[in-house]
Structure formats: structure tokens, C-alpha cells
Amino acid sequence: MSSALPGHIVSTTFCAIASILIGYQVFKHPNKLRIFILVYSIITLPASVIATLQIEGYVSYRTNSMVYLITTLLMTVIHFFMLLDVGYRLRRGDGDWKHYLVVVGIVFLTITCILLFVQIIIMAVNHDGEQHFPLQGAFIAGVVTALIGDSSVFTYTFMPLIYWKKSRVNDGYSRTTALGIWFYLIQNVWYFLYGVIYVWFFAMNTWDAFPTLLALDYALRFVENLLYTWPPPKWAIDYLSAKLPSTSVQLSTRRTGESSTANHAMSSERYNKEEDVEYGGASPSKNPAVPDQHSTFGSEVTIIK
């Protein structure tokens, strides 16, 4: 038995458990983004299994590499739209697809997808060749272009959190701001960890480290999938809300109904079984008082609704 096998078994087991948890959220609270993430998770789970089987020689290096490239292509596209979805919900108005940061992100997303697709085609037609791993030049270029594209969309997504105080239009829900900060922080941590494993892989400069890279890569993909399908912990949002100043910006208050003059505001990050449920209240109210900057509307909160 290979010494790397236990690590791969742990990684695959975690991916399987994460898929079940994601499926539970989709079943209980379906929406388009969660459904896309579930489909991607279902596709990626076999890839993790294949990487484990390859360790013991049941699957060829070439097949393992092909599956990795295909799932990475899907991840690149889905991750792009995951970030944009958060960006849309952190804004009071509709998202701006023509914003220069979004355009830059789309351009580099396209380049990344082309590089991945070319590698998939080359490996698919090279049945009898010696191309068992991704093309090194295209592989590195794809990582770089993906980094640039993701950075652009990431900046666009969280721009409402970094407005200067003088640019803030109005006071608003500190709780909504806290939700944005939560996703900003966890996304940064995820980027750091994902970057570390690829820097390590490039520093090793050998394809012998590729199986270990895959075990870590697939596990991190499912960590992010969980973070985007399950609500953030209430204690974290409570803590961040309490620490925010009274001038915290109202990041996302889409109004219910078709008219912007509807009679009450609703934060799009809320995840409620009933609308306008207030923490600590005696009973839910369908016509709550106008909230102040520290209102805590929302019983179970998440940024995707």
C-alpha cells in the first residue's frame, strides 16, 4: 500500500460527507447557486475517488490528469459565478456586468478555460503518447490567468466593504455588513490555503507530487462548496455585528415586491423560514418597525437566498 493512500482516503471521505451536507441544504433550501454547487460536487466527488484509485495503480496517470482538468474547468466557471452572486447580493442595485473589473475577470476566465480545454483535447487525442500529465507551460499559465481573473472578480464583489466612509450613501444594517465581512474573510483564507498548495507543488518541480496536490485540492474545493451552501455561524455574525461602528454601510437591502417603494426592506443575505424574524423578539412580525443600524433581522443568516 502506498504511503499516500491514507491521506487520499481521508480526502475522499471528507468530499463524500461534504457532498451529503450540500445535498441536504439543496433539499431543504434550494436555489440556483446551491443547485449548481451540488451538481459540481457530484461531478467532482468521482474525481477524488479516481485520484485515490490512481495511487494504487487501478487508474492511469493520464485518466487521472484528464479528470482533474475537466473538473478544474468546471470549478473555474462555477467559482467565478459564486463570487459574482455574492457581489450581486452585496449591492443595493443590480450588479454591473460592464464594470471594468468584471470585464477583466471575464477575459481572464475565458483565457483560463481555453488553456484548460486545449490541454483536455491534447490529452484526449494522444492515446498512445507519453503525455500523462497536464502540459507544464499551459498548466502554469492557467494558474496565473485564473489568479488574475479571480482577483478582479473578488475585488468587484467586495468593493462595497471597502468604500471610504465619505462615499457611503446611508447608514444601514450592521448585520448585513457583518455577513459581507464574513465571506470576505473566509474567501481570503481559502485563497491563501489554495495558493500555498500550488506554490508548494511548483517548488517541488516534479509530477511525483501531483497526487498529493490533488488530495489537498479536492478537499479545499469541497470546503469552499460547504461555505457557500451552509449559513455562517450565528456567533460569528453576532460578534462582527457588535464590533461594527454605527456608520456601517447598508450593503444589501433589496426590497420585497416589484417596486422599490415597497413598505419594508429585506436584506438579501437573510436566510429565513419566515420573513422579518427578529432575534430576541417575542414573535415574528410581518410589518416590523424601521430598523436602525444595528437591527438583527434574520433568524438563520446566509449570503445566498
Protein backbone atom coordinates (compact mmCIF):
# COMPACT_ATOMS: atom_id res chain seq x y z
CA MET A 1 0.00 0.00 0.00
CA SER A 2 1.29 3.44 -0.91
CA SER A 3 2.14 5.77 1.97
CA ALA A 4 -0.02 8.44 0.26
CA LEU A 5 -3.14 6.25 0.28
CA PRO A 6 -4.38 7.10 3.83
CA GLY A 7 -4.29 10.83 3.03
CA HIS A 8 -6.29 10.26 -0.15
CA ILE A 9 -8.84 8.11 1.68
CA VAL A 10 -9.32 10.89 4.27
CA SER A 11 -9.69 13.46 1.48
CA THR A 12 -12.22 11.37 -0.45
CA THR A 13 -14.21 10.58 2.71
CA PHE A 14 -14.39 14.27 3.54
CA CYS A 15 -15.54 15.07 -0.02
CA ALA A 16 -18.28 12.44 0.26
CA ILE A 17 -19.53 13.77 3.60
CA ALA A 18 -19.43 17.33 2.26
CA SER A 19 -21.50 16.27 -0.77
CA ILE A 20 -24.17 14.83 1.54
CA LEU A 21 -24.26 18.03 3.60
CA ILE A 22 -24.51 20.16 0.45
CA GLY A 23 -27.29 17.93 -0.84
CA TYR A 24 -29.15 18.37 2.44
CA GLN A 25 -29.05 22.17 2.09
CA VAL A 26 -30.25 21.95 -1.51
CA PHE A 27 -33.13 19.71 -0.45
CA LYS A 28 -34.15 21.95 2.44
CA HIS A 29 -33.50 25.36 0.88
CA PRO A 30 -32.98 25.09 -2.90
CA ASN A 31 -31.78 27.97 -5.04
CA LYS A 32 -29.90 28.20 -8.32
CA LEU A 33 -26.44 28.68 -6.86
CA ARG A 34 -26.79 25.80 -4.39
CA ILE A 35 -28.04 23.53 -7.17
CA PHE A 36 -25.05 24.42 -9.36
CA ILE A 37 -22.69 23.75 -6.45
CA LEU A 38 -24.37 20.39 -5.78
CA VAL A 39 -24.05 19.35 -9.43
CA TYR A 40 -20.39 20.39 -9.41
CA SER A 41 -19.84 18.46 -6.16
CA ILE A 42 -21.43 15.32 -7.61
CA ILE A 43 -19.12 15.59 -10.62
CA THR A 44 -16.02 16.28 -8.53
CA LEU A 45 -16.53 13.50 -5.98
CA PRO A 46 -15.73 10.74 -8.53
CA ALA A 47 -12.62 12.73 -9.47
CA SER A 48 -11.44 12.45 -5.86
CA VAL A 49 -12.16 8.71 -5.94
CA ILE A 50 -10.23 8.33 -9.20
CA ALA A 51 -7.24 10.17 -7.69
CA THR A 52 -7.30 7.68 -4.80
CA LEU A 53 -7.53 4.68 -7.15
CA GLN A 54 -4.63 6.01 -9.19
CA ILE A 55 -2.40 5.83 -6.10
CA GLU A 56 -2.83 2.04 -6.11
CA GLY A 57 -2.46 1.76 -9.89
CA TYR A 58 -6.09 0.99 -10.69
CA VAL A 59 -6.37 4.11 -12.85
CA SER A 60 -3.75 5.51 -15.21
CA TYR A 61 -1.96 8.82 -14.67
CA ARG A 62 -3.44 10.05 -17.93
CA THR A 63 -7.03 9.35 -16.89
CA ASN A 64 -6.43 10.97 -13.52
CA SER A 65 -5.00 14.08 -15.19
CA MET A 66 -7.88 14.27 -17.67
CA VAL A 67 -10.46 14.12 -14.89
CA TYR A 68 -8.58 16.78 -12.93
CA LEU A 69 -8.54 19.15 -15.92
CA ILE A 70 -12.24 18.65 -16.64
CA THR A 71 -13.29 19.27 -13.03
CA THR A 72 -10.96 22.25 -12.81
CA LEU A 73 -12.60 23.74 -15.90
CA LEU A 74 -15.98 23.38 -14.20
CA MET A 75 -14.64 24.77 -10.92
CA THR A 76 -13.19 27.83 -12.65
CA VAL A 77 -16.55 28.75 -14.19
CA ILE A 78 -18.65 27.95 -11.10
CA HIS A 79 -16.29 29.76 -8.73
CA PHE A 80 -16.50 32.84 -10.97
CA PHE A 81 -20.28 32.89 -10.70
CA MET A 82 -20.18 32.11 -6.97
CA LEU A 83 -18.21 35.31 -6.41
CA LEU A 84 -20.45 37.32 -8.73
CA ASP A 85 -23.51 36.04 -6.89
CA VAL A 86 -22.09 37.32 -3.61
CA GLY A 87 -21.22 40.63 -5.30
CA TYR A 88 -24.78 40.98 -6.58
CA ARG A 89 -26.19 40.45 -3.10
CA LEU A 90 -23.80 42.94 -1.51
CA ARG A 91 -25.24 45.74 -3.64
CA ARG A 92 -28.41 47.73 -3.26
CA GLY A 93 -28.91 47.87 -7.01
CA ASP A 94 -28.35 45.30 -9.74
CA GLY A 95 -24.84 44.09 -10.48
CA ASP A 96 -22.92 45.84 -13.24
CA TRP A 97 -21.71 43.29 -15.80
CA LYS A 98 -19.95 46.08 -17.71
CA HIS A 99 -17.81 47.14 -14.77
CA TYR A 100 -14.15 47.04 -15.79
CA LEU A 101 -13.26 44.57 -13.03
CA VAL A 102 -15.98 42.18 -14.22
CA VAL A 103 -14.81 42.57 -17.83
CA VAL A 104 -11.21 41.81 -16.81
CA GLY A 105 -12.45 38.79 -14.87
CA ILE A 106 -14.44 37.51 -17.85
CA VAL A 107 -11.46 37.96 -20.21
CA PHE A 108 -9.07 36.03 -17.97
CA LEU A 109 -11.72 33.43 -17.17
CA THR A 110 -12.05 32.85 -20.92
CA ILE A 111 -8.27 32.54 -21.34
CA THR A 112 -8.10 30.08 -18.43
CA CYS A 113 -10.91 27.97 -19.87
CA ILE A 114 -9.22 27.93 -23.30
CA LEU A 115 -5.93 26.78 -21.77
CA LEU A 116 -7.71 24.01 -19.85
CA PHE A 117 -9.76 22.97 -22.87
CA VAL A 118 -6.64 22.78 -25.08
CA GLN A 119 -4.94 20.53 -22.52
CA ILE A 120 -8.00 18.29 -22.35
CA ILE A 121 -8.09 17.95 -26.15
CA ILE A 122 -4.37 17.22 -26.40
CA MET A 123 -4.57 14.51 -23.76
CA ALA A 124 -7.76 13.07 -25.28
CA VAL A 125 -6.25 12.63 -28.76
CA ASN A 126 -2.85 11.49 -27.51
CA HIS A 127 -3.91 7.93 -26.68
CA ASP A 128 -0.56 6.26 -27.30
CA GLY A 129 1.73 9.15 -26.43
CA GLU A 130 3.71 9.90 -23.30
CA GLN A 131 1.54 12.82 -22.20
CA HIS A 132 0.42 11.53 -18.82
CA PHE A 133 0.21 14.89 -17.03
CA PRO A 134 -1.06 18.39 -17.91
CA LEU A 135 1.20 20.47 -20.18
CA GLN A 136 3.51 22.24 -17.76
CA GLY A 137 3.59 25.58 -19.59
CA ALA A 138 -0.17 25.71 -20.12
CA PHE A 139 -0.73 24.47 -16.58
CA ILE A 140 1.30 27.31 -15.03
CA ALA A 141 -0.20 29.88 -17.42
CA GLY A 142 -3.69 28.68 -16.48
CA VAL A 143 -2.99 29.11 -12.77
CA VAL A 144 -1.72 32.66 -13.39
CA THR A 145 -4.66 33.71 -15.59
CA ALA A 146 -7.13 32.15 -13.14
CA LEU A 147 -5.48 34.12 -10.33
CA ILE A 148 -5.79 37.41 -12.24
CA GLY A 149 -9.40 36.74 -13.22
CA ASP A 150 -10.42 35.66 -9.73
CA SER A 151 -8.66 38.65 -8.16
CA SER A 152 -10.59 41.03 -10.40
CA VAL A 153 -13.98 39.50 -9.61
CA PHE A 154 -13.06 39.20 -5.93
CA THR A 155 -12.26 42.94 -5.81
CA TYR A 156 -15.52 43.80 -7.58
CA THR A 157 -17.51 41.54 -5.28
CA PHE A 158 -16.29 43.08 -2.05
CA MET A 159 -15.96 46.71 -3.17
CA PRO A 160 -18.97 47.71 -1.03
CA LEU A 161 -16.97 46.68 2.03
CA ILE A 162 -14.03 48.94 1.23
CA TYR A 163 -15.80 52.17 0.35
CA TRP A 164 -14.40 55.15 2.19
CA LYS A 165 -16.69 56.46 4.88
CA LYS A 166 -17.38 59.68 2.94
CA SER A 167 -18.58 57.58 -0.03
CA ARG A 168 -21.17 55.70 1.97
CA VAL A 169 -24.66 56.66 0.96
CA ASN A 170 -26.51 55.81 4.15
CA ASP A 171 -26.39 54.02 7.46
CA GLY A 172 -27.79 50.54 7.39
CA TYR A 173 -27.75 47.07 8.77
CA SER A 174 -24.53 46.32 10.60
CA ARG A 175 -25.59 42.67 10.43
CA THR A 176 -25.62 42.73 6.65
CA THR A 177 -22.17 44.32 6.65
CA ALA A 178 -21.03 41.58 9.03
CA LEU A 179 -22.17 38.94 6.54
CA GLY A 180 -20.11 40.57 3.81
CA ILE A 181 -17.06 40.72 6.09
CA TRP A 182 -17.53 37.04 6.98
CA PHE A 183 -17.45 35.97 3.33
CA TYR A 184 -14.58 38.35 2.61
CA LEU A 185 -12.51 36.77 5.38
CA ILE A 186 -13.24 33.13 4.60
CA GLN A 187 -12.62 33.69 0.89
CA ASN A 188 -9.23 35.26 1.67
CA VAL A 189 -8.30 32.34 3.93
CA TRP A 190 -9.36 29.91 1.20
CA TYR A 191 -7.28 31.75 -1.42
CA PHE A 192 -4.26 31.66 0.90
CA LEU A 193 -4.51 27.92 1.52
CA TYR A 194 -5.18 27.16 -2.14
CA GLY A 195 -2.23 29.31 -3.14
CA VAL A 196 0.07 27.63 -0.63
CA ILE A 197 -0.51 24.13 -2.02
CA TYR A 198 0.17 25.29 -5.59
CA VAL A 199 3.29 27.23 -4.60
CA TRP A 200 4.47 24.08 -2.83
CA PHE A 201 3.73 21.98 -5.92
CA PHE A 202 5.59 24.32 -8.25
CA ALA A 203 8.52 24.50 -5.79
CA MET A 204 8.72 20.69 -5.75
CA ASN A 205 9.07 20.80 -9.55
CA THR A 206 8.12 17.17 -10.01
CA TRP A 207 4.94 15.41 -11.10
CA ASP A 208 5.52 12.90 -8.30
CA ALA A 209 3.88 15.50 -6.03
CA PHE A 210 0.80 15.68 -8.27
CA PRO A 211 -1.25 13.02 -6.37
CA THR A 212 -0.68 14.86 -3.08
CA LEU A 213 -1.69 18.12 -4.75
CA LEU A 214 -4.95 16.53 -5.91
CA ALA A 215 -5.82 15.21 -2.45
CA LEU A 216 -5.44 18.69 -0.98
CA ASP A 217 -7.00 20.45 -3.97
CA TYR A 218 -10.20 18.40 -4.00
CA ALA A 219 -10.62 18.75 -0.22
CA LEU A 220 -10.29 22.54 -0.43
CA ARG A 221 -12.84 22.69 -3.25
CA PHE A 222 -15.39 20.98 -1.04
CA VAL A 223 -14.53 23.23 1.90
CA GLU A 224 -15.47 26.23 -0.24
CA ASN A 225 -18.61 24.50 -1.52
CA LEU A 226 -19.74 23.98 2.07
CA LEU A 227 -19.03 27.59 2.97
CA TYR A 228 -21.22 28.80 0.12
CA THR A 229 -24.14 26.46 0.81
CA TRP A 230 -24.36 26.50 4.62
CA PRO A 231 -25.18 29.57 6.72
CA PRO A 232 -22.29 31.24 8.53
CA PRO A 233 -22.21 30.55 12.28
CA LYS A 234 -24.55 32.85 14.18
CA TRP A 235 -21.93 33.57 16.87
CA ALA A 236 -19.53 34.94 14.25
CA ILE A 237 -22.16 37.24 12.73
CA ASP A 238 -23.24 38.35 16.22
CA TYR A 239 -19.64 39.17 17.12
CA LEU A 240 -18.92 41.09 13.92
CA SER A 241 -22.22 42.98 14.14
CA ALA A 242 -21.44 44.07 17.69
CA LYS A 243 -17.99 45.34 16.65
CA LEU A 244 -19.18 47.40 13.68
CA PRO A 245 -19.49 51.17 14.12
CA SER A 246 -22.84 52.90 13.85
CA THR A 247 -21.88 54.17 10.39
CA SER A 248 -21.62 50.68 8.90
CA VAL A 249 -22.77 50.74 5.31
CA GLN A 250 -26.06 49.18 4.26
CA LEU A 251 -24.62 46.70 1.82
CA SER A 252 -27.69 44.89 0.64
CA THR A 253 -31.28 45.87 1.16
CA ARG A 254 -33.36 44.70 -1.75
CA ARG A 255 -36.99 45.48 -1.20
CA THR A 256 -39.67 42.87 -1.37
CA GLY A 257 -42.08 43.16 -4.24
CA GLU A 258 -41.51 44.68 -7.64
CA SER A 259 -41.41 48.30 -6.51
CA SER A 260 -38.51 49.93 -4.70
CA THR A 261 -41.11 51.77 -2.65
CA ALA A 262 -42.40 48.58 -1.07
CA ASN A 263 -43.28 49.03 2.57
CA HIS A 264 -40.38 47.20 4.16
CA ALA A 265 -36.75 46.47 3.37
CA MET A 266 -35.32 42.99 3.22
CA SER A 267 -31.66 42.02 3.37
CA SER A 268 -30.85 39.59 0.61
CA GLU A 269 -28.35 37.77 2.79
CA ARG A 270 -31.06 36.63 5.19
CA TYR A 271 -31.97 33.01 5.23
CA ASN A 272 -35.30 32.68 6.98
CA LYS A 273 -38.10 30.22 7.16
CA GLU A 274 -40.26 33.26 7.90
CA GLU A 275 -39.58 36.77 6.68
CA ASP A 276 -38.66 39.56 9.08
CA VAL A 277 -37.98 37.35 12.09
CA GLU A 278 -36.05 39.40 14.61
CA TYR A 279 -33.52 37.91 17.01
CA GLY A 280 -34.66 38.00 20.57
CA GLY A 281 -38.18 39.10 19.66
CA ALA A 282 -41.23 37.65 21.22
CA SER A 283 -42.79 36.78 17.91
CA PRO A 284 -42.18 37.40 14.22
CA SER A 285 -43.74 40.47 12.73
CA LYS A 286 -44.75 40.83 9.13
CA ASN A 287 -44.65 44.62 9.43
CA PRO A 288 -41.63 45.43 11.60
CA ALA A 289 -40.59 48.85 12.69
CA VAL A 290 -37.99 50.66 10.60
CA PRO A 291 -34.66 49.08 11.55
CA ASP A 292 -31.76 51.06 12.89
CA GLN A 293 -28.11 50.44 12.03
CA HIS A 294 -27.87 47.55 14.49
CA SER A 295 -31.08 45.75 13.57
CA THR A 296 -30.76 41.98 13.60
CA PHE A 297 -33.41 40.86 11.18
CA GLY A 298 -32.96 37.24 10.10
CA SER A 299 -33.06 34.11 12.18
CA GLU A 300 -30.57 31.96 10.30
CA VAL A 301 -28.36 34.00 8.08
CA THR A 302 -26.50 33.27 4.88
CA ILE A 303 -25.41 35.36 1.97
CA ILE A 304 -27.29 33.31 -0.59
CA LYS A 305 -31.03 33.39 -0.55
